[in-house]
Amino acid sequence: VWKPFAKIATDNPESGWARYQAAWVAAGCHRELEKALEYAKKAVETEPTNRSFRECLAEVQFRLGKREPAVKLAKELFAEEPRNWHYQRQLERYKSAAFDSPLPDSEDD
């Protein structure tokens, strides 16, 4: 799965969406995380206010064991949308869960 997403990101270097998709796949599979970090950072650079891109960056950082930057981004996302329970769950997960812990349920209560 990684190769097609990485190719799309490489073929479309100005596309934040392409880089976001590749980074999200890598984070979900726990593979290619260093490249995913690069892609996620570039996606955020293209659209700094895009919450999905920033959430992806936080997830990749977390998967790499970089708890502090993941928590910082999660706090920012939750502050922007305090009624979003997914962001709250992510914040709690980033603070204390194992780096290989599964994503929280994305459905709001």
C-alpha atoms as a PDB file:
ATOM      1  CA  VAL A   1       0.000   0.000   0.000  1.00  0.00           C
ATOM      2  CA  TRP A   2       2.863   2.366   0.809  1.00  0.00           C
ATOM      3  CA  LYS A   3       4.404   2.466  -2.687  1.00  0.00           C
ATOM      4  CA  PRO A   4       1.378   3.909  -4.539  1.00  0.00           C
ATOM      5  CA  PHE A   5       0.801   6.563  -1.874  1.00  0.00           C
ATOM      6  CA  ALA A   6       4.481   7.503  -1.785  1.00  0.00           C
ATOM      7  CA  LYS A   7       4.523   7.720  -5.585  1.00  0.00           C
ATOM      8  CA  ILE A   8       1.497  10.026  -5.599  1.00  0.00           C
ATOM      9  CA  ALA A   9       3.189  12.238  -2.997  1.00  0.00           C
ATOM     10  CA  THR A  10       6.443  12.258  -4.963  1.00  0.00           C
ATOM     11  CA  ASP A  11       4.669  12.949  -8.266  1.00  0.00           C
ATOM     12  CA  ASN A  12       2.716  15.817  -6.685  1.00  0.00           C
ATOM     13  CA  PRO A  13       5.227  17.610  -4.454  1.00  0.00           C
ATOM     14  CA  GLU A  14       2.999  20.660  -3.947  1.00  0.00           C
ATOM     15  CA  SER A  15      -0.014  18.601  -2.876  1.00  0.00           C
ATOM     16  CA  GLY A  16      -0.557  18.642   0.858  1.00  0.00           C
ATOM     17  CA  TRP A  17      -3.366  16.149   0.413  1.00  0.00           C
ATOM     18  CA  ALA A  18      -1.069  13.618  -1.305  1.00  0.00           C
ATOM     19  CA  ARG A  19       1.534  13.943   1.435  1.00  0.00           C
ATOM     20  CA  TYR A  20      -1.114  13.700   4.152  1.00  0.00           C
ATOM     21  CA  GLN A  21      -2.528  10.500   2.646  1.00  0.00           C
ATOM     22  CA  ALA A  22       0.896   8.866   2.426  1.00  0.00           C
ATOM     23  CA  ALA A  23       1.767   9.885   5.988  1.00  0.00           C
ATOM     24  CA  TRP A  24      -1.545   8.623   7.353  1.00  0.00           C
ATOM     25  CA  VAL A  25      -1.124   5.231   5.664  1.00  0.00           C
ATOM     26  CA  ALA A  26       2.386   4.918   7.072  1.00  0.00           C
ATOM     27  CA  ALA A  27       1.266   5.847  10.586  1.00  0.00           C
ATOM     28  CA  GLY A  28      -1.623   3.389  10.425  1.00  0.00           C
ATOM     29  CA  CYS A  29       0.683   0.595   9.314  1.00  0.00           C
ATOM     30  CA  HIS A  30       3.514   1.565  11.707  1.00  0.00           C
ATOM     31  CA  ARG A  31       5.934   1.630   8.772  1.00  0.00           C
ATOM     32  CA  GLU A  32       8.031   4.171   6.908  1.00  0.00           C
ATOM     33  CA  LEU A  33       7.564   6.533   9.852  1.00  0.00           C
ATOM     34  CA  GLU A  34      10.587   8.752   9.178  1.00  0.00           C
ATOM     35  CA  LYS A  35       9.362   9.384   5.632  1.00  0.00           C
ATOM     36  CA  ALA A  36       5.835   9.832   6.988  1.00  0.00           C
ATOM     37  CA  LEU A  37       7.120  12.517   9.344  1.00  0.00           C
ATOM     38  CA  GLU A  38       8.643  14.367   6.408  1.00  0.00           C
ATOM     39  CA  TYR A  39       5.405  14.069   4.421  1.00  0.00           C
ATOM     40  CA  ALA A  40       3.206  15.134   7.337  1.00  0.00           C
ATOM     41  CA  LYS A  41       5.361  18.193   8.038  1.00  0.00           C
ATOM     42  CA  LYS A  42       5.214  19.227   4.384  1.00  0.00           C
ATOM     43  CA  ALA A  43       1.446  18.717   4.316  1.00  0.00           C
ATOM     44  CA  VAL A  44       1.095  21.047   7.306  1.00  0.00           C
ATOM     45  CA  GLU A  45       3.392  23.559   5.614  1.00  0.00           C
ATOM     46  CA  THR A  46       1.054  23.649   2.600  1.00  0.00           C
ATOM     47  CA  GLU A  47      -2.047  24.196   4.753  1.00  0.00           C
ATOM     48  CA  PRO A  48      -1.113  25.168   8.325  1.00  0.00           C
ATOM     49  CA  THR A  49      -4.731  25.475   9.469  1.00  0.00           C
ATOM     50  CA  ASN A  50      -5.863  22.104   8.119  1.00  0.00           C
ATOM     51  CA  ARG A  51      -6.820  20.109  11.206  1.00  0.00           C
ATOM     52  CA  SER A  52      -6.577  16.742   9.456  1.00  0.00           C
ATOM     53  CA  PHE A  53      -3.031  17.446   8.352  1.00  0.00           C
ATOM     54  CA  ARG A  54      -2.044  18.526  11.870  1.00  0.00           C
ATOM     55  CA  GLU A  55      -3.726  15.504  13.434  1.00  0.00           C
ATOM     56  CA  CYS A  56      -1.782  13.284  11.049  1.00  0.00           C
ATOM     57  CA  LEU A  57       1.472  14.996  12.024  1.00  0.00           C
ATOM     58  CA  ALA A  58       0.684  14.431  15.701  1.00  0.00           C
ATOM     59  CA  GLU A  59      -0.062  10.758  15.054  1.00  0.00           C
ATOM     60  CA  VAL A  60       3.188  10.231  13.164  1.00  0.00           C
ATOM     61  CA  GLN A  61       5.153  11.982  15.919  1.00  0.00           C
ATOM     62  CA  PHE A  62       3.456   9.801  18.506  1.00  0.00           C
ATOM     63  CA  ARG A  63       4.211   6.611  16.549  1.00  0.00           C
ATOM     64  CA  LEU A  64       7.860   7.676  16.441  1.00  0.00           C
ATOM     65  CA  GLY A  65       7.926   8.048  20.237  1.00  0.00           C
ATOM     66  CA  LYS A  66       7.887  11.845  20.146  1.00  0.00           C
ATOM     67  CA  ARG A  67       5.293  12.320  22.848  1.00  0.00           C
ATOM     68  CA  GLU A  68       5.781  16.041  23.601  1.00  0.00           C
ATOM     69  CA  PRO A  69       5.215  17.400  20.073  1.00  0.00           C
ATOM     70  CA  ALA A  70       2.236  15.073  19.623  1.00  0.00           C
ATOM     71  CA  VAL A  71       0.693  16.300  22.889  1.00  0.00           C
ATOM     72  CA  LYS A  72       1.319  19.921  21.905  1.00  0.00           C
ATOM     73  CA  LEU A  73      -0.498  19.512  18.587  1.00  0.00           C
ATOM     74  CA  ALA A  74      -3.329  17.568  20.216  1.00  0.00           C
ATOM     75  CA  LYS A  75      -3.793  20.356  22.773  1.00  0.00           C
ATOM     76  CA  GLU A  76      -3.993  22.921  19.963  1.00  0.00           C
ATOM     77  CA  LEU A  77      -6.551  20.848  18.051  1.00  0.00           C
ATOM     78  CA  PHE A  78      -8.681  20.277  21.142  1.00  0.00           C
ATOM     79  CA  ALA A  79      -8.519  23.992  22.042  1.00  0.00           C
ATOM     80  CA  GLU A  80      -9.799  24.849  18.564  1.00  0.00           C
ATOM     81  CA  GLU A  81     -12.614  22.299  18.808  1.00  0.00           C
ATOM     82  CA  PRO A  82     -13.301  21.613  22.492  1.00  0.00           C
ATOM     83  CA  ARG A  83     -16.471  19.669  21.706  1.00  0.00           C
ATOM     84  CA  ASN A  84     -14.582  17.202  19.518  1.00  0.00           C
ATOM     85  CA  TRP A  85     -14.270  14.112  21.694  1.00  0.00           C
ATOM     86  CA  HIS A  86     -11.913  12.457  19.223  1.00  0.00           C
ATOM     87  CA  TYR A  87      -9.354  15.196  19.839  1.00  0.00           C
ATOM     88  CA  GLN A  88      -9.809  14.798  23.576  1.00  0.00           C
ATOM     89  CA  ARG A  89      -9.264  11.037  23.323  1.00  0.00           C
ATOM     90  CA  GLN A  90      -6.191  11.566  21.174  1.00  0.00           C
ATOM     91  CA  LEU A  91      -4.780  14.045  23.671  1.00  0.00           C
ATOM     92  CA  GLU A  92      -5.207  11.567  26.530  1.00  0.00           C
ATOM     93  CA  ARG A  93      -3.709   8.788  24.429  1.00  0.00           C
ATOM     94  CA  TYR A  94      -0.675  10.868  23.482  1.00  0.00           C
ATOM     95  CA  LYS A  95      -0.063  11.770  27.112  1.00  0.00           C
ATOM     96  CA  SER A  96       0.228   8.258  28.479  1.00  0.00           C
ATOM     97  CA  ALA A  97      -0.509   5.382  26.113  1.00  0.00           C
ATOM     98  CA  ALA A  98       2.020   3.055  24.567  1.00  0.00           C
ATOM     99  CA  PHE A  99       3.362   4.286  21.249  1.00  0.00           C
ATOM    100  CA  ASP A 100       1.843   1.308  19.456  1.00  0.00           C
ATOM    101  CA  SER A 101      -1.613   1.798  20.976  1.00  0.00           C
ATOM    102  CA  PRO A 102      -4.572   1.751  18.561  1.00  0.00           C
ATOM    103  CA  LEU A 103      -6.386   4.856  17.453  1.00  0.00           C
ATOM    104  CA  PRO A 104      -9.359   5.746  19.631  1.00  0.00           C
ATOM    105  CA  ASP A 105     -12.835   5.255  18.299  1.00  0.00           C
ATOM    106  CA  SER A 106     -13.513   8.238  16.050  1.00  0.00           C
ATOM    107  CA  GLU A 107     -17.201   8.501  16.780  1.00  0.00           C
ATOM    108  CA  ASP A 108     -18.289  11.309  19.081  1.00  0.00           C
ATOM    109  CA  ASP A 109     -20.352  10.386  22.116  1.00  0.00           C
END
